[in-house]
């Protein structure tokens, strides 16, 4: 991933957008990474990936709950006890 200074990003914003269409660009301020500029396609791909991974996690937790004999009624009772 290419890295540029924040001042360079500000001065060459159009070029930054063009470069981000090809690969994510890290922006640094005082030698610290503070932001990343990426294409909309890459952002949407990462968002879909996160949603898919979260769904797989929920499915695994749900399967373990079923194996342990936990159902909706038990969960509702547990939640009511916490209220």
PDB file of N, CA and C in Angstrom:
ATOM      1  N   UNK A   1       0.859  -1.172   0.000  1.00  0.00           N
ATOM      2  CA  UNK A   1       0.000   0.000   0.000  1.00  0.00           C
ATOM      3  C   UNK A   1       0.900   1.226   0.000  1.00  0.00           C
ATOM      4  N   UNK A   2       0.587   2.140  -0.861  1.00  0.00           N
ATOM      5  CA  UNK A   2       1.336   3.390  -0.953  1.00  0.00           C
ATOM      6  C   UNK A   2       0.953   4.291   0.222  1.00  0.00           C
ATOM      7  N   UNK A   3       1.905   5.064   0.705  1.00  0.00           N
ATOM      8  CA  UNK A   3       1.669   5.997   1.810  1.00  0.00           C
ATOM      9  C   UNK A   3       2.096   7.395   1.379  1.00  0.00           C
ATOM     10  N   UNK A   4       1.263   8.387   1.695  1.00  0.00           N
ATOM     11  CA  UNK A   4       1.629   9.782   1.408  1.00  0.00           C
ATOM     12  C   UNK A   4       1.323  10.645   2.627  1.00  0.00           C
ATOM     13  N   UNK A   5       1.963  11.787   2.671  1.00  0.00           N
ATOM     14  CA  UNK A   5       1.744  12.743   3.752  1.00  0.00           C
ATOM     15  C   UNK A   5       0.404  13.448   3.547  1.00  0.00           C
ATOM     16  N   UNK A   6      -0.209  13.855   4.645  1.00  0.00           N
ATOM     17  CA  UNK A   6      -1.497  14.548   4.581  1.00  0.00           C
ATOM     18  C   UNK A   6      -1.389  15.820   3.744  1.00  0.00           C
ATOM     19  N   UNK A   7      -0.297  16.546   3.868  1.00  0.00           N
ATOM     20  CA  UNK A   7      -0.136  17.779   3.084  1.00  0.00           C
ATOM     21  C   UNK A   7      -0.091  17.477   1.591  1.00  0.00           C
ATOM     22  N   UNK A   8       0.564  16.377   1.212  1.00  0.00           N
ATOM     23  CA  UNK A   8       0.612  15.962  -0.192  1.00  0.00           C
ATOM     24  C   UNK A   8      -0.779  15.552  -0.682  1.00  0.00           C
ATOM     25  N   UNK A   9      -1.518  14.856   0.172  1.00  0.00           N
ATOM     26  CA  UNK A   9      -2.879  14.442  -0.189  1.00  0.00           C
ATOM     27  C   UNK A   9      -3.765  15.662  -0.419  1.00  0.00           C
ATOM     28  N   UNK A  10      -3.606  16.657   0.435  1.00  0.00           N
ATOM     29  CA  UNK A  10      -4.419  17.873   0.320  1.00  0.00           C
ATOM     30  C   UNK A  10      -4.085  18.624  -0.963  1.00  0.00           C
ATOM     31  N   UNK A  11      -2.810  18.754  -1.262  1.00  0.00           N
ATOM     32  CA  UNK A  11      -2.391  19.504  -2.452  1.00  0.00           C
ATOM     33  C   UNK A  11      -2.713  18.778  -3.756  1.00  0.00           C
ATOM     34  N   UNK A  12      -2.683  17.454  -3.715  1.00  0.00           N
ATOM     35  CA  UNK A  12      -2.926  16.687  -4.931  1.00  0.00           C
ATOM     36  C   UNK A  12      -4.141  15.789  -4.808  1.00  0.00           C
ATOM     37  N   UNK A  13      -5.250  16.363  -4.349  1.00  0.00           N
ATOM     38  CA  UNK A  13      -6.443  15.566  -4.062  1.00  0.00           C
ATOM     39  C   UNK A  13      -6.949  14.798  -5.283  1.00  0.00           C
ATOM     40  N   UNK A  14      -6.958  15.423  -6.442  1.00  0.00           N
ATOM     41  CA  UNK A  14      -7.432  14.740  -7.664  1.00  0.00           C
ATOM     42  C   UNK A  14      -6.546  13.541  -7.973  1.00  0.00           C
ATOM     43  N   UNK A  15      -5.239  13.707  -7.843  1.00  0.00           N
ATOM     44  CA  UNK A  15      -4.312  12.599  -8.089  1.00  0.00           C
ATOM     45  C   UNK A  15      -4.497  11.506  -7.037  1.00  0.00           C
ATOM     46  N   UNK A  16      -4.792  11.890  -5.805  1.00  0.00           N
ATOM     47  CA  UNK A  16      -5.041  10.921  -4.729  1.00  0.00           C
ATOM     48  C   UNK A  16      -6.254  10.054  -5.078  1.00  0.00           C
ATOM     49  N   UNK A  17      -7.309  10.663  -5.528  1.00  0.00           N
ATOM     50  CA  UNK A  17      -8.516   9.917  -5.905  1.00  0.00           C
ATOM     51  C   UNK A  17      -8.213   8.959  -7.058  1.00  0.00           C
ATOM     52  N   UNK A  18      -7.463   9.424  -8.034  1.00  0.00           N
ATOM     53  CA  UNK A  18      -7.088   8.554  -9.160  1.00  0.00           C
ATOM     54  C   UNK A  18      -6.252   7.371  -8.686  1.00  0.00           C
ATOM     55  N   UNK A  19      -5.303   7.610  -7.803  1.00  0.00           N
ATOM     56  CA  UNK A  19      -4.445   6.547  -7.286  1.00  0.00           C
ATOM     57  C   UNK A  19      -5.244   5.553  -6.447  1.00  0.00           C
ATOM     58  N   UNK A  20      -6.206   6.051  -5.688  1.00  0.00           N
ATOM     59  CA  UNK A  20      -7.026   5.188  -4.830  1.00  0.00           C
ATOM     60  C   UNK A  20      -7.909   4.259  -5.657  1.00  0.00           C
ATOM     61  N   UNK A  21      -8.167   4.607  -6.894  1.00  0.00           N
ATOM     62  CA  UNK A  21      -8.939   3.719  -7.776  1.00  0.00           C
ATOM     63  C   UNK A  21      -8.132   2.463  -8.099  1.00  0.00           C
ATOM     64  N   UNK A  22      -6.810   2.554  -8.010  1.00  0.00           N
ATOM     65  CA  UNK A  22      -5.943   1.414  -8.319  1.00  0.00           C
ATOM     66  C   UNK A  22      -5.564   0.607  -7.081  1.00  0.00           C
ATOM     67  N   UNK A  23      -5.386   1.288  -5.938  1.00  0.00           N
ATOM     68  CA  UNK A  23      -5.001   0.636  -4.689  1.00  0.00           C
ATOM     69  C   UNK A  23      -5.288   1.572  -3.522  1.00  0.00           C
ATOM     70  N   UNK A  24      -5.516   1.026  -2.322  1.00  0.00           N
ATOM     71  CA  UNK A  24      -5.713   1.889  -1.148  1.00  0.00           C
ATOM     72  C   UNK A  24      -4.456   2.722  -0.885  1.00  0.00           C
ATOM     73  N   UNK A  25      -4.659   3.929  -0.422  1.00  0.00           N
ATOM     74  CA  UNK A  25      -3.560   4.851  -0.121  1.00  0.00           C
ATOM     75  C   UNK A  25      -3.646   5.235   1.351  1.00  0.00           C
ATOM     76  N   UNK A  26      -2.560   5.027   2.098  1.00  0.00           N
ATOM     77  CA  UNK A  26      -2.508   5.429   3.501  1.00  0.00           C
ATOM     78  C   UNK A  26      -2.083   6.895   3.573  1.00  0.00           C
ATOM     79  N   UNK A  27      -2.726   7.626   4.458  1.00  0.00           N
ATOM     80  CA  UNK A  27      -2.404   9.042   4.668  1.00  0.00           C
ATOM     81  C   UNK A  27      -1.727   9.169   6.026  1.00  0.00           C
ATOM     82  N   UNK A  28      -0.594   9.849   6.047  1.00  0.00           N
ATOM     83  CA  UNK A  28       0.137  10.044   7.300  1.00  0.00           C
ATOM     84  C   UNK A  28       0.155  11.512   7.699  1.00  0.00           C
ATOM     85  N   UNK A  29       0.055  11.715   9.003  1.00  0.00           N
ATOM     86  CA  UNK A  29       0.219  13.049   9.581  1.00  0.00           C
ATOM     87  C   UNK A  29       1.252  12.885  10.698  1.00  0.00           C
ATOM     88  N   UNK A  30       2.313  13.639  10.621  1.00  0.00           N
ATOM     89  CA  UNK A  30       3.411  13.555  11.587  1.00  0.00           C
ATOM     90  C   UNK A  30       3.909  12.118  11.734  1.00  0.00           C
ATOM     91  N   UNK A  31       4.093  11.462  10.587  1.00  0.00           N
ATOM     92  CA  UNK A  31       4.633  10.098  10.486  1.00  0.00           C
ATOM     93  C   UNK A  31       3.773   9.026  11.161  1.00  0.00           C
ATOM     94  N   UNK A  32       2.478   9.334  11.342  1.00  0.00           N
ATOM     95  CA  UNK A  32       1.518   8.347  11.879  1.00  0.00           C
ATOM     96  C   UNK A  32       0.430   8.129  10.845  1.00  0.00           C
ATOM     97  N   UNK A  33       0.074   6.870  10.611  1.00  0.00           N
ATOM     98  CA  UNK A  33      -1.048   6.583   9.717  1.00  0.00           C
ATOM     99  C   UNK A  33      -2.330   7.085  10.372  1.00  0.00           C
ATOM    100  N   UNK A  34      -3.085   7.922   9.643  1.00  0.00           N
ATOM    101  CA  UNK A  34      -4.312   8.491  10.206  1.00  0.00           C
ATOM    102  C   UNK A  34      -5.555   8.180   9.380  1.00  0.00           C
ATOM    103  N   UNK A  35      -5.367   7.757   8.128  1.00  0.00           N
ATOM    104  CA  UNK A  35      -6.531   7.494   7.276  1.00  0.00           C
ATOM    105  C   UNK A  35      -6.106   6.630   6.096  1.00  0.00           C
ATOM    106  N   UNK A  36      -7.111   6.063   5.448  1.00  0.00           N
ATOM    107  CA  UNK A  36      -6.897   5.312   4.208  1.00  0.00           C
ATOM    108  C   UNK A  36      -7.948   5.777   3.215  1.00  0.00           C
ATOM    109  N   UNK A  37      -7.509   6.033   2.001  1.00  0.00           N
ATOM    110  CA  UNK A  37      -8.431   6.371   0.916  1.00  0.00           C
ATOM    111  C   UNK A  37      -8.445   5.165  -0.018  1.00  0.00           C
ATOM    112  N   UNK A  38      -9.649   4.692  -0.327  1.00  0.00           N
ATOM    113  CA  UNK A  38      -9.784   3.527  -1.199  1.00  0.00           C
ATOM    114  C   UNK A  38     -10.953   3.730  -2.147  1.00  0.00           C
ATOM    115  N   UNK A  39     -10.981   2.912  -3.169  1.00  0.00           N
ATOM    116  CA  UNK A  39     -12.074   2.989  -4.138  1.00  0.00           C
ATOM    117  C   UNK A  39     -13.381   2.542  -3.488  1.00  0.00           C
ATOM    118  N   UNK A  40     -14.473   2.974  -4.048  1.00  0.00           N
ATOM    119  CA  UNK A  40     -15.784   2.557  -3.555  1.00  0.00           C
ATOM    120  C   UNK A  40     -15.946   1.044  -3.720  1.00  0.00           C
ATOM    121  N   UNK A  41     -15.427   0.495  -4.800  1.00  0.00           N
ATOM    122  CA  UNK A  41     -15.517  -0.955  -5.011  1.00  0.00           C
ATOM    123  C   UNK A  41     -14.820  -1.714  -3.883  1.00  0.00           C
ATOM    124  N   UNK A  42     -13.634  -1.264  -3.487  1.00  0.00           N
ATOM    125  CA  UNK A  42     -12.903  -1.931  -2.415  1.00  0.00           C
ATOM    126  C   UNK A  42     -13.646  -1.782  -1.088  1.00  0.00           C
ATOM    127  N   UNK A  43     -14.191  -0.599  -0.833  1.00  0.00           N
ATOM    128  CA  UNK A  43     -14.959  -0.375   0.394  1.00  0.00           C
ATOM    129  C   UNK A  43     -16.171  -1.318   0.448  1.00  0.00           C
ATOM    130  N   UNK A  44     -16.894  -1.425  -0.643  1.00  0.00           N
ATOM    131  CA  UNK A  44     -18.071  -2.304  -0.689  1.00  0.00           C
ATOM    132  C   UNK A  44     -17.671  -3.768  -0.521  1.00  0.00           C
ATOM    133  N   UNK A  45     -16.537  -4.174  -1.113  1.00  0.00           N
ATOM    134  CA  UNK A  45     -16.062  -5.544  -0.954  1.00  0.00           C
ATOM    135  C   UNK A  45     -15.751  -5.842   0.511  1.00  0.00           C
ATOM    136  N   UNK A  46     -15.080  -4.924   1.185  1.00  0.00           N
ATOM    137  CA  UNK A  46     -14.747  -5.118   2.599  1.00  0.00           C
ATOM    138  C   UNK A  46     -15.995  -5.138   3.470  1.00  0.00           C
ATOM    139  N   UNK A  47     -16.954  -4.296   3.154  1.00  0.00           N
ATOM    140  CA  UNK A  47     -18.203  -4.266   3.911  1.00  0.00           C
ATOM    141  C   UNK A  47     -18.945  -5.593   3.775  1.00  0.00           C
ATOM    142  N   UNK A  48     -19.028  -6.115   2.549  1.00  0.00           N
ATOM    143  CA  UNK A  48     -19.677  -7.416   2.333  1.00  0.00           C
ATOM    144  C   UNK A  48     -18.938  -8.522   3.079  1.00  0.00           C
ATOM    145  N   UNK A  49     -17.618  -8.474   3.058  1.00  0.00           N
ATOM    146  CA  UNK A  49     -16.808  -9.472   3.743  1.00  0.00           C
ATOM    147  C   UNK A  49     -17.093  -9.455   5.238  1.00  0.00           C
ATOM    148  N   UNK A  50     -17.169  -8.265   5.826  1.00  0.00           N
ATOM    149  CA  UNK A  50     -17.457  -8.156   7.259  1.00  0.00           C
ATOM    150  C   UNK A  50     -18.841  -8.707   7.590  1.00  0.00           C
ATOM    151  N   UNK A  51     -19.819  -8.418   6.767  1.00  0.00           N
ATOM    152  CA  UNK A  51     -21.173  -8.927   7.008  1.00  0.00           C
ATOM    153  C   UNK A  51     -21.202 -10.447   6.915  1.00  0.00           C
ATOM    154  N   UNK A  52     -20.501 -10.981   5.931  1.00  0.00           N
ATOM    155  CA  UNK A  52     -20.462 -12.437   5.753  1.00  0.00           C
ATOM    156  C   UNK A  52     -19.783 -13.106   6.934  1.00  0.00           C
ATOM    157  N   UNK A  53     -18.677 -12.543   7.393  1.00  0.00           N
ATOM    158  CA  UNK A  53     -17.958 -13.122   8.525  1.00  0.00           C
ATOM    159  C   UNK A  53     -18.809 -13.066   9.790  1.00  0.00           C
ATOM    160  N   UNK A  54     -19.517 -11.953  10.006  1.00  0.00           N
ATOM    161  CA  UNK A  54     -20.384 -11.844  11.175  1.00  0.00           C
ATOM    162  C   UNK A  54     -21.510 -12.872  11.105  1.00  0.00           C
ATOM    163  N   UNK A  55     -22.077 -13.087   9.918  1.00  0.00           N
ATOM    164  CA  UNK A  55     -23.134 -14.089   9.771  1.00  0.00           C
ATOM    165  C   UNK A  55     -22.611 -15.482  10.079  1.00  0.00           C
ATOM    166  N   UNK A  56     -21.401 -15.808   9.603  1.00  0.00           N
ATOM    167  CA  UNK A  56     -20.811 -17.117   9.911  1.00  0.00           C
ATOM    168  C   UNK A  56     -20.597 -17.282  11.409  1.00  0.00           C
ATOM    169  N   UNK A  57     -20.159 -16.224  12.084  1.00  0.00           N
ATOM    170  CA  UNK A  57     -19.984 -16.253  13.536  1.00  0.00           C
ATOM    171  C   UNK A  57     -21.318 -16.536  14.231  1.00  0.00           C
ATOM    172  N   UNK A  58     -22.357 -15.817  13.827  1.00  0.00           N
ATOM    173  CA  UNK A  58     -23.685 -16.020  14.436  1.00  0.00           C
ATOM    174  C   UNK A  58     -24.188 -17.438  14.196  1.00  0.00           C
ATOM    175  N   UNK A  59     -23.947 -17.957  13.007  1.00  0.00           N
ATOM    176  CA  UNK A  59     -24.366 -19.325  12.701  1.00  0.00           C
ATOM    177  C   UNK A  59     -23.639 -20.331  13.592  1.00  0.00           C
ATOM    178  N   UNK A  60     -22.343 -20.121  13.818  1.00  0.00           N
ATOM    179  CA  UNK A  60     -21.584 -21.032  14.688  1.00  0.00           C
ATOM    180  C   UNK A  60     -22.109 -20.969  16.119  1.00  0.00           C
ATOM    181  N   UNK A  61     -22.351 -19.765  16.631  1.00  0.00           N
ATOM    182  CA  UNK A  61     -22.873 -19.614  17.994  1.00  0.00           C
ATOM    183  C   UNK A  61     -24.247 -20.262  18.104  1.00  0.00           C
ATOM    184  N   UNK A  62     -25.096 -20.049  17.106  1.00  0.00           N
ATOM    185  CA  UNK A  62     -26.424 -20.648  17.110  1.00  0.00           C
ATOM    186  C   UNK A  62     -26.366 -22.165  17.100  1.00  0.00           C
ATOM    187  N   UNK A  63     -25.458 -22.720  16.306  1.00  0.00           N
ATOM    188  CA  UNK A  63     -25.318 -24.184  16.242  1.00  0.00           C
ATOM    189  C   UNK A  63     -24.867 -24.741  17.592  1.00  0.00           C
ATOM    190  N   UNK A  64     -23.952 -24.050  18.243  1.00  0.00           N
ATOM    191  CA  UNK A  64     -23.494 -24.500  19.563  1.00  0.00           C
ATOM    192  C   UNK A  64     -24.615 -24.413  20.594  1.00  0.00           C
ATOM    193  N   UNK A  65     -25.423 -23.391  20.494  1.00  0.00           N
ATOM    194  CA  UNK A  65     -26.545 -23.252  21.425  1.00  0.00           C
ATOM    195  C   UNK A  65     -27.525 -24.410  21.241  1.00  0.00           C
ATOM    196  N   UNK A  66     -27.824 -24.749  20.003  1.00  0.00           N
ATOM    197  CA  UNK A  66     -28.736 -25.869  19.720  1.00  0.00           C
ATOM    198  C   UNK A  66     -28.147 -27.163  20.279  1.00  0.00           C
ATOM    199  N   UNK A  67     -26.847 -27.376  20.055  1.00  0.00           N
ATOM    200  CA  UNK A  67     -26.187 -28.583  20.577  1.00  0.00           C
ATOM    201  C   UNK A  67     -26.271 -28.646  22.104  1.00  0.00           C
ATOM    202  N   UNK A  68     -26.243 -27.486  22.749  1.00  0.00           N
ATOM    203  CA  UNK A  68     -26.288 -27.431  24.216  1.00  0.00           C
ATOM    204  C   UNK A  68     -27.726 -27.458  24.742  1.00  0.00           C
ATOM    205  N   UNK A  69     -28.708 -27.505  23.838  1.00  0.00           N
ATOM    206  CA  UNK A  69     -30.100 -27.562  24.258  1.00  0.00           C
ATOM    207  C   UNK A  69     -30.709 -26.217  24.603  1.00  0.00           C
ATOM    208  N   UNK A  70     -30.053 -25.154  24.174  1.00  0.00           N
ATOM    209  CA  UNK A  70     -30.579 -23.805  24.440  1.00  0.00           C
ATOM    210  C   UNK A  70     -31.509 -23.433  23.287  1.00  0.00           C
ATOM    211  N   UNK A  71     -32.740 -23.009  23.649  1.00  0.00           N
ATOM    212  CA  UNK A  71     -33.690 -22.603  22.630  1.00  0.00           C
ATOM    213  C   UNK A  71     -34.202 -21.192  22.941  1.00  0.00           C
ATOM    214  N   UNK A  72     -35.126 -20.708  22.125  1.00  0.00           N
ATOM    215  CA  UNK A  72     -35.654 -19.343  22.269  1.00  0.00           C
ATOM    216  C   UNK A  72     -36.289 -19.118  23.640  1.00  0.00           C
ATOM    217  N   UNK A  73     -36.998 -20.107  24.152  1.00  0.00           N
ATOM    218  CA  UNK A  73     -37.668 -19.965  25.453  1.00  0.00           C
ATOM    219  C   UNK A  73     -36.645 -19.796  26.577  1.00  0.00           C
ATOM    220  N   UNK A  74     -35.584 -20.551  26.528  1.00  0.00           N
ATOM    221  CA  UNK A  74     -34.532 -20.428  27.553  1.00  0.00           C
ATOM    222  C   UNK A  74     -33.869 -19.061  27.458  1.00  0.00           C
ATOM    223  N   UNK A  75     -33.567 -18.641  26.249  1.00  0.00           N
ATOM    224  CA  UNK A  75     -32.951 -17.319  26.071  1.00  0.00           C
ATOM    225  C   UNK A  75     -33.868 -16.202  26.567  1.00  0.00           C
ATOM    226  N   UNK A  76     -35.154 -16.303  26.271  1.00  0.00           N
ATOM    227  CA  UNK A  76     -36.098 -15.284  26.719  1.00  0.00           C
ATOM    228  C   UNK A  76     -36.127 -15.238  28.234  1.00  0.00           C
ATOM    229  N   UNK A  77     -36.082 -16.409  28.878  1.00  0.00           N
ATOM    230  CA  UNK A  77     -36.070 -16.458  30.337  1.00  0.00           C
ATOM    231  C   UNK A  77     -34.810 -15.850  30.905  1.00  0.00           C
ATOM    232  N   UNK A  78     -33.666 -16.102  30.273  1.00  0.00           N
ATOM    233  CA  UNK A  78     -32.405 -15.526  30.734  1.00  0.00           C
ATOM    234  C   UNK A  78     -32.410 -14.005  30.608  1.00  0.00           C
ATOM    235  N   UNK A  79     -32.945 -13.528  29.506  1.00  0.00           N
ATOM    236  CA  UNK A  79     -33.014 -12.080  29.304  1.00  0.00           C
ATOM    237  C   UNK A  79     -33.971 -11.425  30.284  1.00  0.00           C
ATOM    238  N   UNK A  80     -35.071 -12.096  30.598  1.00  0.00           N
ATOM    239  CA  UNK A  80     -36.041 -11.551  31.551  1.00  0.00           C
ATOM    240  C   UNK A  80     -35.429 -11.482  32.942  1.00  0.00           C
ATOM    241  N   UNK A  81     -34.599 -12.455  33.293  1.00  0.00           N
ATOM    242  CA  UNK A  81     -33.952 -12.463  34.618  1.00  0.00           C
ATOM    243  C   UNK A  81     -32.987 -11.296  34.773  1.00  0.00           C
ATOM    244  N   UNK A  82     -32.374 -10.856  33.662  1.00  0.00           N
ATOM    245  CA  UNK A  82     -31.415  -9.754  33.716  1.00  0.00           C
ATOM    246  C   UNK A  82     -32.095  -8.397  33.830  1.00  0.00           C
ATOM    247  N   UNK A  83     -33.361  -8.327  33.492  1.00  0.00           N
ATOM    248  CA  UNK A  83     -34.068  -7.032  33.472  1.00  0.00           C
ATOM    249  C   UNK A  83     -34.421  -6.548  34.849  1.00  0.00           C
TER     250      UNK A  83
END
